[in-house]
Amino acid sequence: MKKIIAVVLVLLSVGSITAQDGSSVSVRKHRFGVKIAPGISYLNIDKQGQESDGADYTFGYGLQYEYAFSENFSFATGILMNSFRGNVKYTDSLYFVFDKNVSGVDMKDTASQIFGRKYTFKSVDIPIVLKLKTPEIGYLTYFAEFGTTLSVIYDSYSSKNEVVMNEGDAQTQLSDDLAELDASEDVRLFKGALNIGIGAEYNLVGNTSLLVGLNWNSSFSNILSKTSDEIYYGSTNEKFSQIVKSDYVSLTVGIQF
């Protein structure tokens, strides 16, 4: 973090010196754009009995808006349709209760042991950040941004559910109609995250720029409920306790007008 701040301060200082040519700078107050944001996502788990089982991928796309207070300081927001994932491995003795449909009839089934699963979350993200920018150096403008991302989770499911259905059976993965199971009972509706990013804009023509940035979103709220409605301790039959957050690093590529 200290290195990032130092780089930003140096860039701002160099940009200010470069821009001292005696001419006034015209600041465009309102800017709009489109972007895509592929990246790497992972679960941040702080509870015994489960652990993160490696990184996965995230992908988002959407619109962005920027309001400039000055040449070097602006407010940025937008709306992003996002899909991100995370893998979890269970290290405690747990059983798993899930819904299935047999001949049009909904019913419950139970796996005597669950070992791991993949979560997929779909959300509408609203970033709210303050943006520090250098004056244009050549065709490039460098920036750093910090703020928050507010997310509304509108869909979620689990896949690659590794289970033992009955004691003595071999470990297997739920498949066919059970390959993807609704996980909404365990997933919270809202998620908040710290959003920190750096990047650059390359002036293409007039007010149109190519934007490339790198953002880290670190959740400060849990994405899963603290007690599961699907997973239970085998020894006590109590609901499984979980503290799970979802973080990701994304590469933003967009066009700013």
C-alpha atoms as a PDB file:
ATOM      1  CA  MET A   1       0.000   0.000   0.000  1.00  0.00           C
ATOM      2  CA  LYS A   2       2.798   2.464   0.904  1.00  0.00           C
ATOM      3  CA  LYS A   3       4.497   1.764  -2.429  1.00  0.00           C
ATOM      4  CA  ILE A   4       1.283   2.475  -4.351  1.00  0.00           C
ATOM      5  CA  ILE A   5       0.772   5.777  -2.521  1.00  0.00           C
ATOM      6  CA  ALA A   6       4.391   6.765  -3.170  1.00  0.00           C
ATOM      7  CA  VAL A   7       4.065   6.028  -6.901  1.00  0.00           C
ATOM      8  CA  VAL A   8       0.859   8.063  -7.115  1.00  0.00           C
ATOM      9  CA  LEU A   9       2.469  11.060  -5.379  1.00  0.00           C
ATOM     10  CA  VAL A  10       5.476  10.936  -7.697  1.00  0.00           C
ATOM     11  CA  LEU A  11       3.254  10.756 -10.779  1.00  0.00           C
ATOM     12  CA  LEU A  12       1.153  13.675  -9.584  1.00  0.00           C
ATOM     13  CA  SER A  13       4.279  15.734  -8.881  1.00  0.00           C
ATOM     14  CA  VAL A  14       5.831  14.967 -12.264  1.00  0.00           C
ATOM     15  CA  GLY A  15       2.536  15.691 -13.996  1.00  0.00           C
ATOM     16  CA  SER A  16       2.187  19.057 -12.261  1.00  0.00           C
ATOM     17  CA  ILE A  17       5.694  20.108 -13.296  1.00  0.00           C
ATOM     18  CA  THR A  18       5.091  18.967 -16.873  1.00  0.00           C
ATOM     19  CA  ALA A  19       1.805  20.856 -17.051  1.00  0.00           C
ATOM     20  CA  GLN A  20       3.337  24.229 -15.997  1.00  0.00           C
ATOM     21  CA  ASP A  21       3.481  25.787 -19.443  1.00  0.00           C
ATOM     22  CA  GLY A  22       1.397  28.861 -18.646  1.00  0.00           C
ATOM     23  CA  SER A  23      -1.685  27.659 -20.504  1.00  0.00           C
ATOM     24  CA  SER A  24      -5.055  26.983 -18.875  1.00  0.00           C
ATOM     25  CA  VAL A  25      -6.424  23.449 -18.893  1.00  0.00           C
ATOM     26  CA  SER A  26     -10.000  22.790 -19.955  1.00  0.00           C
ATOM     27  CA  VAL A  27     -11.609  20.254 -17.642  1.00  0.00           C
ATOM     28  CA  ARG A  28     -14.469  18.124 -18.919  1.00  0.00           C
ATOM     29  CA  LYS A  29     -16.889  17.858 -15.967  1.00  0.00           C
ATOM     30  CA  HIS A  30     -18.950  14.845 -17.044  1.00  0.00           C
ATOM     31  CA  ARG A  31     -17.498  11.735 -18.657  1.00  0.00           C
ATOM     32  CA  PHE A  32     -19.171   8.450 -19.544  1.00  0.00           C
ATOM     33  CA  GLY A  33     -17.811   5.113 -20.636  1.00  0.00           C
ATOM     34  CA  VAL A  34     -18.158   1.365 -21.071  1.00  0.00           C
ATOM     35  CA  LYS A  35     -15.890  -1.306 -19.662  1.00  0.00           C
ATOM     36  CA  ILE A  36     -15.213  -4.992 -19.146  1.00  0.00           C
ATOM     37  CA  ALA A  37     -13.516  -6.401 -16.053  1.00  0.00           C
ATOM     38  CA  PRO A  38     -12.106  -9.953 -16.159  1.00  0.00           C
ATOM     39  CA  GLY A  39     -10.148 -11.112 -13.152  1.00  0.00           C
ATOM     40  CA  ILE A  40      -9.341 -13.632 -10.437  1.00  0.00           C
ATOM     41  CA  SER A  41     -11.698 -14.263  -7.499  1.00  0.00           C
ATOM     42  CA  TYR A  42     -11.284 -16.253  -4.298  1.00  0.00           C
ATOM     43  CA  LEU A  43     -12.961 -16.856  -0.957  1.00  0.00           C
ATOM     44  CA  ASN A  44     -11.497 -15.371   2.204  1.00  0.00           C
ATOM     45  CA  ILE A  45     -12.435 -17.775   5.024  1.00  0.00           C
ATOM     46  CA  ASP A  46     -11.861 -17.157   8.726  1.00  0.00           C
ATOM     47  CA  LYS A  47     -13.509 -20.107  10.445  1.00  0.00           C
ATOM     48  CA  GLN A  48     -12.378 -23.569  11.462  1.00  0.00           C
ATOM     49  CA  GLY A  49     -13.948 -26.462   9.576  1.00  0.00           C
ATOM     50  CA  GLN A  50     -13.559 -24.974   6.098  1.00  0.00           C
ATOM     51  CA  GLU A  51     -10.893 -23.320   3.971  1.00  0.00           C
ATOM     52  CA  SER A  52     -10.480 -21.701   0.591  1.00  0.00           C
ATOM     53  CA  ASP A  53      -9.697 -24.223  -2.138  1.00  0.00           C
ATOM     54  CA  GLY A  54      -7.888 -22.066  -4.690  1.00  0.00           C
ATOM     55  CA  ALA A  55      -8.725 -19.154  -6.969  1.00  0.00           C
ATOM     56  CA  ASP A  56     -11.309 -19.008  -9.742  1.00  0.00           C
ATOM     57  CA  TYR A  57     -12.336 -16.331 -12.237  1.00  0.00           C
ATOM     58  CA  THR A  58     -14.609 -13.316 -12.342  1.00  0.00           C
ATOM     59  CA  PHE A  59     -16.019 -11.352 -15.261  1.00  0.00           C
ATOM     60  CA  GLY A  60     -17.978  -8.131 -15.341  1.00  0.00           C
ATOM     61  CA  TYR A  61     -19.186  -5.559 -17.839  1.00  0.00           C
ATOM     62  CA  GLY A  62     -21.031  -2.297 -17.567  1.00  0.00           C
ATOM     63  CA  LEU A  63     -21.189   1.487 -17.687  1.00  0.00           C
ATOM     64  CA  GLN A  64     -19.151   4.093 -15.860  1.00  0.00           C
ATOM     65  CA  TYR A  65     -19.576   7.764 -15.024  1.00  0.00           C
ATOM     66  CA  GLU A  66     -17.049  10.330 -13.815  1.00  0.00           C
ATOM     67  CA  TYR A  67     -17.561  13.827 -12.454  1.00  0.00           C
ATOM     68  CA  ALA A  68     -14.452  16.028 -12.342  1.00  0.00           C
ATOM     69  CA  PHE A  69     -13.981  18.453  -9.444  1.00  0.00           C
ATOM     70  CA  SER A  70     -10.709  19.585 -10.994  1.00  0.00           C
ATOM     71  CA  GLU A  71      -8.117  18.390 -13.468  1.00  0.00           C
ATOM     72  CA  ASN A  72      -6.588  16.056 -10.871  1.00  0.00           C
ATOM     73  CA  PHE A  73      -9.545  15.034  -8.724  1.00  0.00           C
ATOM     74  CA  SER A  74     -12.860  13.391  -9.614  1.00  0.00           C
ATOM     75  CA  PHE A  75     -15.700  11.190  -8.379  1.00  0.00           C
ATOM     76  CA  ALA A  76     -16.381   7.961 -10.283  1.00  0.00           C
ATOM     77  CA  THR A  77     -19.226   5.469 -10.171  1.00  0.00           C
ATOM     78  CA  GLY A  78     -21.194   3.238 -12.546  1.00  0.00           C
ATOM     79  CA  ILE A  79     -23.035  -0.045 -12.746  1.00  0.00           C
ATOM     80  CA  LEU A  80     -21.421  -3.418 -13.390  1.00  0.00           C
ATOM     81  CA  MET A  81     -23.013  -6.779 -14.093  1.00  0.00           C
ATOM     82  CA  ASN A  82     -20.641  -9.182 -12.414  1.00  0.00           C
ATOM     83  CA  SER A  83     -20.168 -12.932 -12.042  1.00  0.00           C
ATOM     84  CA  PHE A  84     -17.570 -14.231  -9.588  1.00  0.00           C
ATOM     85  CA  ARG A  85     -16.701 -17.594  -8.080  1.00  0.00           C
ATOM     86  CA  GLY A  86     -14.971 -19.254  -5.162  1.00  0.00           C
ATOM     87  CA  ASN A  87     -14.060 -22.764  -4.042  1.00  0.00           C
ATOM     88  CA  VAL A  88     -14.354 -24.111  -0.521  1.00  0.00           C
ATOM     89  CA  LYS A  89     -13.042 -27.300   1.092  1.00  0.00           C
ATOM     90  CA  TYR A  90     -14.604 -28.656   4.296  1.00  0.00           C
ATOM     91  CA  THR A  91     -12.309 -30.141   6.915  1.00  0.00           C
ATOM     92  CA  ASP A  92     -14.911 -30.938   9.580  1.00  0.00           C
ATOM     93  CA  SER A  93     -17.363 -33.851   9.697  1.00  0.00           C
ATOM     94  CA  LEU A  94     -20.451 -32.324   8.064  1.00  0.00           C
ATOM     95  CA  TYR A  95     -23.562 -33.535   6.329  1.00  0.00           C
ATOM     96  CA  PHE A  96     -25.424 -31.751   3.568  1.00  0.00           C
ATOM     97  CA  VAL A  97     -29.202 -31.364   3.065  1.00  0.00           C
ATOM     98  CA  PHE A  98     -30.340 -30.330  -0.421  1.00  0.00           C
ATOM     99  CA  ASP A  99     -33.479 -30.055  -2.549  1.00  0.00           C
ATOM    100  CA  LYS A 100     -34.184 -32.295  -5.508  1.00  0.00           C
ATOM    101  CA  ASN A 101     -37.104 -32.955  -7.821  1.00  0.00           C
ATOM    102  CA  VAL A 102     -38.336 -36.495  -8.452  1.00  0.00           C
ATOM    103  CA  SER A 103     -41.124 -36.957 -11.014  1.00  0.00           C
ATOM    104  CA  GLY A 104     -42.215 -33.362 -10.522  1.00  0.00           C
ATOM    105  CA  VAL A 105     -42.249 -33.605  -6.734  1.00  0.00           C
ATOM    106  CA  ASP A 106     -39.856 -31.434  -4.692  1.00  0.00           C
ATOM    107  CA  MET A 107     -38.222 -33.226  -1.788  1.00  0.00           C
ATOM    108  CA  LYS A 108     -35.202 -33.149   0.517  1.00  0.00           C
ATOM    109  CA  ASP A 109     -32.219 -35.461   0.314  1.00  0.00           C
ATOM    110  CA  THR A 110     -29.170 -35.798   2.544  1.00  0.00           C
ATOM    111  CA  ALA A 111     -25.519 -36.547   1.840  1.00  0.00           C
ATOM    112  CA  SER A 112     -23.853 -38.053   4.891  1.00  0.00           C
ATOM    113  CA  GLN A 113     -20.634 -36.096   4.220  1.00  0.00           C
ATOM    114  CA  ILE A 114     -19.702 -33.035   2.158  1.00  0.00           C
ATOM    115  CA  PHE A 115     -16.065 -32.355   1.259  1.00  0.00           C
ATOM    116  CA  GLY A 116     -16.139 -29.324  -0.996  1.00  0.00           C
ATOM    117  CA  ARG A 117     -18.020 -27.203  -3.498  1.00  0.00           C
ATOM    118  CA  LYS A 118     -17.763 -24.287  -5.909  1.00  0.00           C
ATOM    119  CA  TYR A 119     -19.899 -21.175  -5.404  1.00  0.00           C
ATOM    120  CA  THR A 120     -20.989 -18.926  -8.262  1.00  0.00           C
ATOM    121  CA  PHE A 121     -22.406 -15.501  -7.446  1.00  0.00           C
ATOM    122  CA  LYS A 122     -24.062 -13.066  -9.856  1.00  0.00           C
ATOM    123  CA  SER A 123     -24.368  -9.468  -8.767  1.00  0.00           C
ATOM    124  CA  VAL A 124     -25.072  -5.887  -9.717  1.00  0.00           C
ATOM    125  CA  ASP A 125     -22.078  -3.839  -8.528  1.00  0.00           C
ATOM    126  CA  ILE A 126     -21.991  -0.093  -7.905  1.00  0.00           C
ATOM    127  CA  PRO A 127     -18.445   1.251  -7.390  1.00  0.00           C
ATOM    128  CA  ILE A 128     -18.151   4.570  -5.555  1.00  0.00           C
ATOM    129  CA  VAL A 129     -14.594   5.904  -5.663  1.00  0.00           C
ATOM    130  CA  LEU A 130     -12.511   9.061  -5.528  1.00  0.00           C
ATOM    131  CA  LYS A 131     -10.013   9.320  -8.355  1.00  0.00           C
ATOM    132  CA  LEU A 132      -6.649  11.112  -8.307  1.00  0.00           C
ATOM    133  CA  LYS A 133      -5.156  11.838 -11.733  1.00  0.00           C
ATOM    134  CA  THR A 134      -2.019  13.341 -13.198  1.00  0.00           C
ATOM    135  CA  PRO A 135      -2.266  15.921 -15.962  1.00  0.00           C
ATOM    136  CA  GLU A 136      -1.827  14.417 -19.412  1.00  0.00           C
ATOM    137  CA  ILE A 137       1.797  13.370 -19.958  1.00  0.00           C
ATOM    138  CA  GLY A 138       2.220  12.820 -23.663  1.00  0.00           C
ATOM    139  CA  TYR A 139      -0.975  10.930 -24.467  1.00  0.00           C
ATOM    140  CA  LEU A 140      -1.190   9.265 -21.053  1.00  0.00           C
ATOM    141  CA  THR A 141      -2.984  10.207 -17.840  1.00  0.00           C
ATOM    142  CA  TYR A 142      -2.182   8.077 -14.795  1.00  0.00           C
ATOM    143  CA  PHE A 143      -4.622   7.620 -11.942  1.00  0.00           C
ATOM    144  CA  ALA A 144      -5.233   5.992  -8.571  1.00  0.00           C
ATOM    145  CA  GLU A 145      -8.659   5.450  -7.044  1.00  0.00           C
ATOM    146  CA  PHE A 146     -10.047   4.335  -3.711  1.00  0.00           C
ATOM    147  CA  GLY A 147     -13.508   3.871  -2.275  1.00  0.00           C
ATOM    148  CA  THR A 148     -16.056   1.089  -1.993  1.00  0.00           C
ATOM    149  CA  THR A 149     -18.093  -1.298  -4.119  1.00  0.00           C
ATOM    150  CA  LEU A 150     -21.675  -2.065  -3.115  1.00  0.00           C
ATOM    151  CA  SER A 151     -23.093  -5.307  -4.538  1.00  0.00           C
ATOM    152  CA  VAL A 152     -26.576  -6.785  -4.769  1.00  0.00           C
ATOM    153  CA  ILE A 153     -26.433 -10.583  -5.181  1.00  0.00           C
ATOM    154  CA  TYR A 154     -29.350 -11.555  -7.419  1.00  0.00           C
ATOM    155  CA  ASP A 155     -28.411 -15.170  -8.202  1.00  0.00           C
ATOM    156  CA  SER A 156     -26.175 -17.835  -6.677  1.00  0.00           C
ATOM    157  CA  TYR A 157     -25.628 -21.557  -6.954  1.00  0.00           C
ATOM    158  CA  SER A 158     -23.175 -24.265  -5.970  1.00  0.00           C
ATOM    159  CA  SER A 159     -21.573 -26.812  -8.283  1.00  0.00           C
ATOM    160  CA  LYS A 160     -18.930 -29.525  -8.046  1.00  0.00           C
ATOM    161  CA  ASN A 161     -20.484 -30.647  -4.759  1.00  0.00           C
ATOM    162  CA  GLU A 162     -18.160 -33.409  -3.530  1.00  0.00           C
ATOM    163  CA  VAL A 163     -20.123 -35.732  -1.242  1.00  0.00           C
ATOM    164  CA  VAL A 164     -20.579 -39.202   0.161  1.00  0.00           C
ATOM    165  CA  MET A 165     -24.285 -39.985  -0.087  1.00  0.00           C
ATOM    166  CA  ASN A 166     -24.376 -42.858   2.399  1.00  0.00           C
ATOM    167  CA  GLU A 167     -21.817 -44.054   4.911  1.00  0.00           C
ATOM    168  CA  GLY A 168     -19.526 -46.600   3.286  1.00  0.00           C
ATOM    169  CA  ASP A 169     -20.135 -45.246  -0.244  1.00  0.00           C
ATOM    170  CA  ALA A 170     -17.342 -43.825  -2.376  1.00  0.00           C
ATOM    171  CA  GLN A 171     -16.861 -40.063  -2.668  1.00  0.00           C
ATOM    172  CA  THR A 172     -18.727 -38.689  -5.676  1.00  0.00           C
ATOM    173  CA  GLN A 173     -19.793 -35.434  -7.271  1.00  0.00           C
ATOM    174  CA  LEU A 174     -23.459 -34.545  -7.610  1.00  0.00           C
ATOM    175  CA  SER A 175     -24.349 -34.533 -11.300  1.00  0.00           C
ATOM    176  CA  ASP A 176     -27.168 -34.378 -13.870  1.00  0.00           C
ATOM    177  CA  ASP A 177     -30.097 -32.405 -12.400  1.00  0.00           C
ATOM    178  CA  LEU A 178     -28.067 -31.890  -9.214  1.00  0.00           C
ATOM    179  CA  ALA A 179     -24.963 -30.515 -10.965  1.00  0.00           C
ATOM    180  CA  GLU A 180     -25.994 -26.981  -9.980  1.00  0.00           C
ATOM    181  CA  LEU A 181     -27.878 -26.380  -6.733  1.00  0.00           C
ATOM    182  CA  ASP A 182     -29.527 -23.148  -5.680  1.00  0.00           C
ATOM    183  CA  ALA A 183     -27.470 -21.574  -2.880  1.00  0.00           C
ATOM    184  CA  SER A 184     -29.621 -18.514  -2.164  1.00  0.00           C
ATOM    185  CA  GLU A 185     -30.622 -19.757   1.307  1.00  0.00           C
ATOM    186  CA  ASP A 186     -27.009 -19.376   2.433  1.00  0.00           C
ATOM    187  CA  VAL A 187     -26.082 -16.250   0.435  1.00  0.00           C
ATOM    188  CA  ARG A 188     -26.637 -12.713   1.660  1.00  0.00           C
ATOM    189  CA  LEU A 189     -28.394 -10.177  -0.547  1.00  0.00           C
ATOM    190  CA  PHE A 190     -25.884  -7.349  -0.061  1.00  0.00           C
ATOM    191  CA  LYS A 191     -22.085  -7.226  -0.028  1.00  0.00           C
ATOM    192  CA  GLY A 192     -19.704  -4.345   0.604  1.00  0.00           C
ATOM    193  CA  ALA A 193     -16.032  -4.184  -0.344  1.00  0.00           C
ATOM    194  CA  LEU A 194     -13.042  -1.874  -0.227  1.00  0.00           C
ATOM    195  CA  ASN A 195     -12.085  -0.877  -3.783  1.00  0.00           C
ATOM    196  CA  ILE A 196      -8.509   0.222  -4.549  1.00  0.00           C
ATOM    197  CA  GLY A 197      -7.158   0.650  -8.072  1.00  0.00           C
ATOM    198  CA  ILE A 198      -4.460   2.124 -10.289  1.00  0.00           C
ATOM    199  CA  GLY A 199      -4.330   2.605 -14.044  1.00  0.00           C
ATOM    200  CA  ALA A 200      -3.895   4.878 -17.022  1.00  0.00           C
ATOM    201  CA  GLU A 201      -5.895   6.501 -19.802  1.00  0.00           C
ATOM    202  CA  TYR A 202      -4.528   6.817 -23.329  1.00  0.00           C
ATOM    203  CA  ASN A 203      -6.001   9.688 -25.341  1.00  0.00           C
ATOM    204  CA  LEU A 204      -7.259   8.336 -28.663  1.00  0.00           C
ATOM    205  CA  VAL A 205      -8.858  11.446 -30.142  1.00  0.00           C
ATOM    206  CA  GLY A 206     -10.563  14.506 -28.664  1.00  0.00           C
ATOM    207  CA  ASN A 207     -12.289  13.505 -25.408  1.00  0.00           C
ATOM    208  CA  THR A 208     -12.152   9.757 -26.139  1.00  0.00           C
ATOM    209  CA  SER A 209      -9.656   7.685 -24.169  1.00  0.00           C
ATOM    210  CA  LEU A 210      -8.723   4.044 -23.747  1.00  0.00           C
ATOM    211  CA  LEU A 211      -8.763   3.130 -20.051  1.00  0.00           C
ATOM    212  CA  VAL A 212      -6.771   0.272 -18.500  1.00  0.00           C
ATOM    213  CA  GLY A 213      -6.715  -0.339 -14.762  1.00  0.00           C
ATOM    214  CA  LEU A 214      -6.148  -2.899 -12.037  1.00  0.00           C
ATOM    215  CA  ASN A 215      -8.565  -3.038  -9.094  1.00  0.00           C
ATOM    216  CA  TRP A 216      -8.572  -4.985  -5.842  1.00  0.00           C
ATOM    217  CA  ASN A 217     -11.953  -5.530  -4.169  1.00  0.00           C
ATOM    218  CA  SER A 218     -11.622  -6.754  -0.586  1.00  0.00           C
ATOM    219  CA  SER A 219     -14.925  -7.517   1.161  1.00  0.00           C
ATOM    220  CA  PHE A 220     -15.651  -6.079   4.585  1.00  0.00           C
ATOM    221  CA  SER A 221     -18.938  -8.015   4.880  1.00  0.00           C
ATOM    222  CA  ASN A 222     -19.657 -11.739   4.703  1.00  0.00           C
ATOM    223  CA  ILE A 223     -21.150 -13.107   1.509  1.00  0.00           C
ATOM    224  CA  LEU A 224     -22.535 -16.227   3.240  1.00  0.00           C
ATOM    225  CA  SER A 225     -24.806 -16.264   6.283  1.00  0.00           C
ATOM    226  CA  LYS A 226     -23.068 -16.961   9.582  1.00  0.00           C
ATOM    227  CA  THR A 227     -24.962 -20.239  10.019  1.00  0.00           C
ATOM    228  CA  SER A 228     -25.770 -22.494   7.071  1.00  0.00           C
ATOM    229  CA  ASP A 229     -29.273 -23.695   6.258  1.00  0.00           C
ATOM    230  CA  GLU A 230     -27.827 -26.565   4.186  1.00  0.00           C
ATOM    231  CA  ILE A 231     -24.804 -27.873   6.073  1.00  0.00           C
ATOM    232  CA  TYR A 232     -24.830 -29.344   9.578  1.00  0.00           C
ATOM    233  CA  TYR A 233     -22.288 -30.696  12.063  1.00  0.00           C
ATOM    234  CA  GLY A 234     -22.352 -34.485  12.019  1.00  0.00           C
ATOM    235  CA  SER A 235     -21.657 -34.724  15.754  1.00  0.00           C
ATOM    236  CA  THR A 236     -24.322 -32.305  17.055  1.00  0.00           C
ATOM    237  CA  ASN A 237     -26.781 -31.800  14.152  1.00  0.00           C
ATOM    238  CA  GLU A 238     -26.385 -28.041  14.674  1.00  0.00           C
ATOM    239  CA  LYS A 239     -26.136 -25.626  11.751  1.00  0.00           C
ATOM    240  CA  PHE A 240     -22.611 -25.157  10.429  1.00  0.00           C
ATOM    241  CA  SER A 241     -20.959 -21.860  11.428  1.00  0.00           C
ATOM    242  CA  GLN A 242     -19.164 -20.021   8.623  1.00  0.00           C
ATOM    243  CA  ILE A 243     -17.351 -16.726   8.093  1.00  0.00           C
ATOM    244  CA  VAL A 244     -16.830 -16.343   4.344  1.00  0.00           C
ATOM    245  CA  LYS A 245     -15.937 -13.235   2.344  1.00  0.00           C
ATOM    246  CA  SER A 246     -15.383 -12.984  -1.400  1.00  0.00           C
ATOM    247  CA  ASP A 247     -12.480 -10.967  -2.838  1.00  0.00           C
ATOM    248  CA  TYR A 248     -11.263 -10.423  -6.373  1.00  0.00           C
ATOM    249  CA  VAL A 249      -8.630  -8.675  -8.465  1.00  0.00           C
ATOM    250  CA  SER A 250      -9.838  -7.453 -11.848  1.00  0.00           C
ATOM    251  CA  LEU A 251      -8.305  -5.935 -14.976  1.00  0.00           C
ATOM    252  CA  THR A 252     -10.504  -3.098 -16.235  1.00  0.00           C
ATOM    253  CA  VAL A 253     -10.465  -2.241 -19.936  1.00  0.00           C
ATOM    254  CA  GLY A 254     -12.801   0.428 -21.242  1.00  0.00           C
ATOM    255  CA  ILE A 255     -13.511   3.437 -23.415  1.00  0.00           C
ATOM    256  CA  GLN A 256     -14.093   6.797 -21.736  1.00  0.00           C
ATOM    257  CA  PHE A 257     -15.866   9.672 -23.552  1.00  0.00           C
END
